[in-house]
Amino acid sequence: MIRVSDYLAKRVAEMGVRHVFMISGGGAMHLNDAFGKHEDLQYICNHHEQACAIAAEGYARISGNIGVAVVTSGPAPSSCTASSAACFQGSDGRTVATQYSVSAKTGFTS
């Protein structure tokens, strides 16, 4: 059985993406692991989610391919909204992947 995170990394690589911008965090550990271990993907770590989003935006504009930012859960995806709006406005391809964990006791956790 394949993990969803491994499937996502495989599909991103199949789309021709070679660089992924990410920040590690407890909410994205499976994604970090999958993208980091994939032999066709090179990951670039940043210090802030917004830096990941901006790097993915620049990658999309320069390469003509999809830019991928992997961020942790919680407020991190909201840090990517300004860059997402810029990509939308400029018709640049970019995606932000984040992961939420489900806890049987509390529901969604970040």
Protein backbone atom coordinates (compact mmCIF):
# COMPACT_ATOMS: atom_id res chain seq x y z
CA MET A 1 0.00 0.00 0.00
CA ILE A 2 1.27 3.47 -0.89
CA ARG A 3 0.91 6.50 1.34
CA VAL A 4 -1.00 9.46 -0.07
CA SER A 5 2.07 11.63 0.46
CA ASP A 6 4.21 9.23 -1.62
CA TYR A 7 1.58 9.27 -4.36
CA LEU A 8 1.60 13.10 -4.37
CA ALA A 9 5.39 13.19 -4.64
CA LYS A 10 5.26 10.69 -7.51
CA ARG A 11 2.61 12.67 -9.39
CA VAL A 12 4.47 15.96 -8.91
CA ALA A 13 7.64 14.38 -10.33
CA GLU A 14 5.67 12.90 -13.24
CA MET A 15 4.46 16.43 -14.07
CA GLY A 16 8.08 17.45 -14.64
CA VAL A 17 8.65 19.35 -11.41
CA ARG A 18 12.23 18.96 -10.19
CA HIS A 19 12.37 21.37 -7.23
CA VAL A 20 10.04 21.58 -4.24
CA PHE A 21 10.17 24.35 -1.64
CA MET A 22 9.29 23.32 1.87
CA ILE A 23 9.39 24.00 5.55
CA SER A 24 9.36 21.18 8.04
CA GLY A 25 6.71 20.89 10.69
CA GLY A 26 4.82 18.28 12.64
CA GLY A 27 1.73 18.72 10.49
CA ALA A 28 3.59 18.02 7.26
CA MET A 29 6.07 15.30 8.25
CA HIS A 30 4.64 12.70 5.87
CA LEU A 31 4.79 15.19 3.00
CA ASN A 32 8.32 16.27 3.97
CA ASP A 33 9.38 12.62 4.09
CA ALA A 34 7.81 11.71 0.75
CA PHE A 35 9.09 14.73 -1.18
CA GLY A 36 12.51 14.51 0.47
CA LYS A 37 12.99 10.83 -0.37
CA HIS A 38 11.79 10.97 -3.97
CA GLU A 39 14.79 10.45 -6.24
CA ASP A 40 13.53 12.80 -8.97
CA LEU A 41 12.79 15.73 -6.67
CA GLN A 42 15.20 18.12 -5.02
CA TYR A 43 13.84 19.84 -1.95
CA ILE A 44 14.86 23.30 -0.86
CA CYS A 45 14.18 24.21 2.76
CA ASN A 46 13.16 27.72 3.74
CA HIS A 47 12.80 29.48 7.08
CA HIS A 48 9.22 30.68 6.60
CA GLU A 49 6.10 29.55 4.76
CA GLN A 50 5.88 32.80 2.86
CA ALA A 51 9.41 32.23 1.54
CA CYS A 52 8.30 28.81 0.27
CA ALA A 53 5.35 30.36 -1.53
CA ILE A 54 7.42 33.13 -3.08
CA ALA A 55 10.11 30.66 -4.18
CA ALA A 56 7.47 28.40 -5.75
CA GLU A 57 5.99 31.42 -7.53
CA GLY A 58 9.41 32.39 -8.91
CA TYR A 59 10.08 28.80 -9.95
CA ALA A 60 6.78 28.70 -11.85
CA ARG A 61 7.49 31.97 -13.63
CA ILE A 62 11.05 31.09 -14.63
CA SER A 63 10.65 27.39 -15.44
CA GLY A 64 7.18 27.52 -16.96
CA ASN A 65 6.33 24.50 -14.83
CA ILE A 66 4.27 24.17 -11.68
CA GLY A 67 5.87 25.57 -8.53
CA VAL A 68 5.31 23.48 -5.40
CA ALA A 69 5.41 24.72 -1.82
CA VAL A 70 4.98 22.24 1.05
CA VAL A 71 4.12 23.87 4.36
CA THR A 72 2.96 22.65 7.73
CA SER A 73 -0.57 22.88 9.08
CA GLY A 74 -2.18 25.53 11.26
CA PRO A 75 -1.68 29.17 10.25
CA ALA A 76 1.07 28.31 7.75
CA PRO A 77 -1.19 28.09 4.67
CA SER A 78 -2.50 31.59 5.33
CA SER A 79 1.07 32.88 5.00
CA CYS A 80 0.96 31.71 1.39
CA THR A 81 -2.14 33.66 0.35
CA ALA A 82 -0.46 36.80 -1.02
CA SER A 83 1.78 34.79 -3.31
CA SER A 84 -1.17 32.59 -4.30
CA ALA A 85 -3.08 35.69 -5.34
CA ALA A 86 -0.11 36.87 -7.41
CA CYS A 87 0.06 33.50 -9.17
CA PHE A 88 -3.67 33.62 -9.87
CA GLN A 89 -3.43 37.14 -11.23
CA GLY A 90 -0.45 36.28 -13.42
CA SER A 91 -1.83 32.87 -14.49
CA ASP A 92 1.27 31.13 -13.13
CA GLY A 93 0.96 27.52 -12.03
CA ARG A 94 1.68 26.92 -8.38
CA THR A 95 0.35 24.68 -5.69
CA VAL A 96 0.66 24.69 -1.91
CA ALA A 97 0.48 21.34 -0.15
CA THR A 98 -0.23 21.04 3.54
CA GLN A 99 -1.26 18.17 5.74
CA TYR A 100 -3.73 17.96 8.60
CA SER A 101 -3.72 15.16 11.12
CA VAL A 102 -6.91 13.67 12.47
CA SER A 103 -7.13 12.71 16.10
CA ALA A 104 -9.88 10.41 17.32
CA LYS A 105 -10.21 12.43 20.54
CA THR A 106 -10.15 15.99 19.31
CA GLY A 107 -10.91 15.90 15.59
CA PHE A 108 -8.51 17.90 13.47
CA THR A 109 -5.19 18.82 15.00
CA SER A 110 -2.50 21.06 13.70
